[in-house]
């Protein structure tokens, strides 16, 4: 029986989906007293946006990443689901 090759882009999409869904659930559960720890996390990135002024065009770049416990759990679950495919 031939085995189908797995696509790495699908894995990346699974992990990003797990991070996003886990992050949303972490934010929601941070308001619940018994599940506050799922929302615990750190935020990092550019605190002030980087701006480039070219006279006719102004570009502004900003990136902030928030990682919490629930998003890490979501990424792990996504990897496990991908492995089962």
N, C-alpha and C. Protein backbone atom coordinates (compact mmCIF):
# COMPACT_ATOMS: atom_id res chain seq x y z
N UNK A 1 0.83 -1.17 0.00
CA UNK A 1 0.00 0.00 0.00
C UNK A 1 0.88 1.24 0.00
N UNK A 2 0.69 2.11 -0.96
CA UNK A 2 1.50 3.33 -1.08
C UNK A 2 1.07 4.35 -0.03
N UNK A 3 2.05 5.03 0.51
CA UNK A 3 1.77 6.04 1.52
C UNK A 3 1.85 7.42 0.87
N UNK A 4 0.86 8.24 1.14
CA UNK A 4 0.81 9.58 0.59
C UNK A 4 1.79 10.49 1.33
N UNK A 5 2.53 11.30 0.57
CA UNK A 5 3.49 12.23 1.17
C UNK A 5 2.74 13.40 1.81
N UNK A 6 3.13 13.76 3.02
CA UNK A 6 2.50 14.87 3.71
C UNK A 6 3.15 16.18 3.28
N UNK A 7 2.33 17.20 3.16
CA UNK A 7 2.78 18.51 2.74
C UNK A 7 3.15 19.34 3.97
N UNK A 8 4.33 19.97 3.96
CA UNK A 8 4.78 20.77 5.10
C UNK A 8 3.95 22.03 5.28
N UNK A 9 3.38 22.56 4.19
CA UNK A 9 2.53 23.74 4.30
C UNK A 9 1.27 23.45 5.12
N UNK A 10 0.77 22.23 4.99
CA UNK A 10 -0.40 21.85 5.78
C UNK A 10 -0.04 21.84 7.27
N UNK A 11 1.15 21.36 7.60
CA UNK A 11 1.60 21.37 8.99
C UNK A 11 1.69 22.79 9.52
N UNK A 12 2.23 23.70 8.73
CA UNK A 12 2.33 25.09 9.16
C UNK A 12 0.95 25.69 9.38
N UNK A 13 0.01 25.39 8.48
CA UNK A 13 -1.36 25.89 8.66
C UNK A 13 -2.02 25.30 9.90
N UNK A 14 -1.79 24.01 10.17
CA UNK A 14 -2.33 23.39 11.37
C UNK A 14 -1.78 24.08 12.62
N UNK A 15 -0.47 24.31 12.66
CA UNK A 15 0.14 24.93 13.84
C UNK A 15 -0.36 26.36 14.02
N UNK A 16 -0.42 27.13 12.94
CA UNK A 16 -0.93 28.50 13.05
C UNK A 16 -2.39 28.52 13.50
N UNK A 17 -3.18 27.60 12.98
CA UNK A 17 -4.57 27.50 13.42
C UNK A 17 -4.66 27.15 14.90
N UNK A 18 -3.83 26.23 15.35
CA UNK A 18 -3.81 25.88 16.77
C UNK A 18 -3.39 27.04 17.64
N UNK A 19 -2.41 27.83 17.16
CA UNK A 19 -1.98 29.00 17.93
C UNK A 19 -3.09 30.05 18.02
N UNK A 20 -3.77 30.28 16.91
CA UNK A 20 -4.83 31.30 16.90
C UNK A 20 -6.01 30.87 17.76
N UNK A 21 -6.48 29.64 17.55
CA UNK A 21 -7.64 29.15 18.32
C UNK A 21 -7.28 29.06 19.81
N UNK A 22 -6.08 28.56 20.11
CA UNK A 22 -5.65 28.50 21.50
C UNK A 22 -5.52 29.88 22.13
N UNK A 23 -5.02 30.85 21.35
CA UNK A 23 -4.89 32.21 21.87
C UNK A 23 -6.24 32.83 22.19
N UNK A 24 -7.21 32.60 21.31
CA UNK A 24 -8.56 33.11 21.55
C UNK A 24 -9.16 32.45 22.80
N UNK A 25 -9.02 31.14 22.91
CA UNK A 25 -9.54 30.44 24.09
C UNK A 25 -8.83 30.88 25.36
N UNK A 26 -7.53 31.15 25.26
CA UNK A 26 -6.78 31.64 26.42
C UNK A 26 -7.28 32.99 26.89
N UNK A 27 -7.58 33.87 25.95
CA UNK A 27 -8.11 35.19 26.32
C UNK A 27 -9.49 35.07 26.95
N UNK A 28 -10.31 34.18 26.42
CA UNK A 28 -11.66 33.99 26.96
C UNK A 28 -11.60 33.39 28.36
N UNK A 29 -10.76 32.37 28.55
CA UNK A 29 -10.71 31.69 29.84
C UNK A 29 -9.91 32.45 30.89
N UNK A 30 -9.20 33.51 30.51
CA UNK A 30 -8.45 34.27 31.51
C UNK A 30 -9.38 35.00 32.48
N UNK A 31 -10.64 35.18 32.09
CA UNK A 31 -11.62 35.83 32.97
C UNK A 31 -12.25 34.87 33.97
N UNK A 32 -12.06 33.57 33.77
CA UNK A 32 -12.63 32.55 34.66
C UNK A 32 -11.61 32.26 35.76
N UNK A 33 -12.05 32.28 37.01
CA UNK A 33 -11.13 32.15 38.14
C UNK A 33 -10.33 30.85 38.12
N UNK A 34 -10.96 29.73 37.80
CA UNK A 34 -10.26 28.45 37.86
C UNK A 34 -9.41 28.18 36.61
N UNK A 35 -9.60 28.95 35.55
CA UNK A 35 -8.84 28.73 34.31
C UNK A 35 -7.97 29.93 33.93
N UNK A 36 -7.65 30.79 34.88
CA UNK A 36 -6.87 31.99 34.60
C UNK A 36 -5.52 31.66 34.01
N UNK A 37 -4.94 30.52 34.40
CA UNK A 37 -3.59 30.15 33.99
C UNK A 37 -3.49 29.87 32.48
N UNK A 38 -4.61 29.55 31.82
CA UNK A 38 -4.57 29.34 30.37
C UNK A 38 -4.30 30.65 29.62
N UNK A 39 -4.65 31.76 30.20
CA UNK A 39 -4.44 33.06 29.58
C UNK A 39 -3.09 33.68 29.92
N UNK A 40 -2.33 33.04 30.81
CA UNK A 40 -1.03 33.58 31.20
C UNK A 40 -0.07 33.48 30.01
N UNK A 41 0.61 34.56 29.71
CA UNK A 41 1.55 34.54 28.60
C UNK A 41 2.36 35.80 28.52
N UNK A 42 3.11 35.91 27.47
CA UNK A 42 3.98 37.06 27.24
C UNK A 42 3.68 37.68 25.89
N UNK A 43 4.01 38.93 25.77
CA UNK A 43 3.83 39.68 24.54
C UNK A 43 5.19 40.27 24.15
N UNK A 44 5.57 40.11 22.91
CA UNK A 44 6.83 40.70 22.46
C UNK A 44 6.69 41.18 21.02
N UNK A 45 7.59 42.06 20.65
CA UNK A 45 7.56 42.65 19.32
C UNK A 45 8.06 44.08 19.36
N UNK A 46 7.70 44.87 18.36
CA UNK A 46 8.10 46.28 18.30
C UNK A 46 7.14 47.08 19.17
N UNK A 47 7.68 47.75 20.20
CA UNK A 47 6.81 48.57 21.05
C UNK A 47 6.41 49.86 20.35
N UNK A 48 7.26 50.36 19.47
CA UNK A 48 6.95 51.55 18.67
C UNK A 48 7.06 51.14 17.20
N UNK A 49 6.08 51.51 16.39
CA UNK A 49 6.15 51.14 14.98
C UNK A 49 7.35 51.76 14.27
N UNK A 50 7.93 51.00 13.35
CA UNK A 50 9.03 51.49 12.53
C UNK A 50 8.44 52.16 11.30
N UNK A 51 8.84 53.40 11.03
CA UNK A 51 8.26 54.15 9.93
C UNK A 51 9.36 54.57 8.95
N UNK A 52 9.08 54.41 7.66
CA UNK A 52 9.99 54.84 6.60
C UNK A 52 9.25 55.87 5.76
N UNK A 53 9.82 57.08 5.68
CA UNK A 53 9.20 58.16 4.90
C UNK A 53 10.00 58.37 3.63
N UNK A 54 9.37 58.14 2.47
CA UNK A 54 10.02 58.28 1.17
C UNK A 54 9.48 59.48 0.39
N UNK A 55 8.98 60.47 1.08
CA UNK A 55 8.36 61.68 0.52
C UNK A 55 7.03 61.40 -0.18
N UNK A 56 6.96 60.47 -1.09
CA UNK A 56 5.70 60.18 -1.76
C UNK A 56 4.98 58.99 -1.15
N UNK A 57 5.68 58.28 -0.28
CA UNK A 57 5.11 57.08 0.33
C UNK A 57 5.67 56.93 1.73
N UNK A 58 4.81 56.67 2.68
CA UNK A 58 5.24 56.41 4.05
C UNK A 58 4.83 54.99 4.42
N UNK A 59 5.80 54.19 4.82
CA UNK A 59 5.55 52.81 5.24
C UNK A 59 5.72 52.71 6.75
N UNK A 60 4.79 52.04 7.38
CA UNK A 60 4.87 51.83 8.82
C UNK A 60 4.72 50.35 9.11
N UNK A 61 5.68 49.80 9.85
CA UNK A 61 5.69 48.38 10.19
C UNK A 61 5.56 48.21 11.69
N UNK A 62 4.73 47.27 12.09
CA UNK A 62 4.56 46.96 13.49
C UNK A 62 4.24 45.48 13.62
N UNK A 63 4.82 44.84 14.60
CA UNK A 63 4.57 43.41 14.82
C UNK A 63 4.58 43.14 16.32
N UNK A 64 3.49 42.59 16.82
CA UNK A 64 3.40 42.19 18.22
C UNK A 64 2.85 40.76 18.26
N UNK A 65 3.54 39.91 19.00
CA UNK A 65 3.14 38.51 19.12
C UNK A 65 2.78 38.25 20.58
N UNK A 66 1.58 37.70 20.79
CA UNK A 66 1.14 37.32 22.14
C UNK A 66 1.04 35.80 22.19
N UNK A 67 1.80 35.21 23.08
CA UNK A 67 1.79 33.76 23.26
C UNK A 67 1.28 33.48 24.67
N UNK A 68 0.29 32.59 24.79
CA UNK A 68 -0.17 32.19 26.12
C UNK A 68 -0.17 30.66 26.21
N UNK A 69 -0.47 30.16 27.38
CA UNK A 69 -0.44 28.71 27.62
C UNK A 69 -1.41 27.98 26.70
N UNK A 70 -2.59 28.53 26.52
CA UNK A 70 -3.59 27.87 25.68
C UNK A 70 -3.15 27.81 24.21
N UNK A 71 -2.44 28.82 23.73
CA UNK A 71 -1.98 28.77 22.34
C UNK A 71 -0.89 27.72 22.16
N UNK A 72 -0.05 27.52 23.16
CA UNK A 72 0.96 26.46 23.09
C UNK A 72 0.29 25.09 23.09
N UNK A 73 -0.71 24.92 23.95
CA UNK A 73 -1.46 23.66 23.98
C UNK A 73 -2.16 23.43 22.64
N UNK A 74 -2.73 24.48 22.07
CA UNK A 74 -3.38 24.37 20.77
C UNK A 74 -2.42 23.95 19.67
N UNK A 75 -1.20 24.48 19.68
CA UNK A 75 -0.20 24.10 18.69
C UNK A 75 0.21 22.64 18.86
N UNK A 76 0.33 22.18 20.09
CA UNK A 76 0.68 20.78 20.33
C UNK A 76 -0.42 19.85 19.86
N UNK A 77 -1.67 20.21 20.13
CA UNK A 77 -2.81 19.41 19.65
C UNK A 77 -2.84 19.40 18.13
N UNK A 78 -2.56 20.53 17.50
CA UNK A 78 -2.55 20.61 16.03
C UNK A 78 -1.47 19.70 15.45
N UNK A 79 -0.30 19.66 16.07
CA UNK A 79 0.78 18.77 15.59
C UNK A 79 0.38 17.31 15.75
N UNK A 80 -0.28 16.99 16.86
CA UNK A 80 -0.72 15.60 17.07
C UNK A 80 -1.77 15.21 16.04
N UNK A 81 -2.70 16.12 15.73
CA UNK A 81 -3.72 15.83 14.71
C UNK A 81 -3.08 15.66 13.34
N UNK A 82 -2.09 16.47 13.03
CA UNK A 82 -1.41 16.35 11.74
C UNK A 82 -0.69 15.01 11.62
N UNK A 83 -0.10 14.58 12.72
CA UNK A 83 0.62 13.30 12.71
C UNK A 83 -0.33 12.13 12.48
N UNK A 84 -1.58 12.26 12.94
CA UNK A 84 -2.58 11.20 12.77
C UNK A 84 -3.09 11.10 11.33
N UNK A 85 -2.94 12.18 10.54
CA UNK A 85 -3.43 12.17 9.16
C UNK A 85 -2.69 11.16 8.30
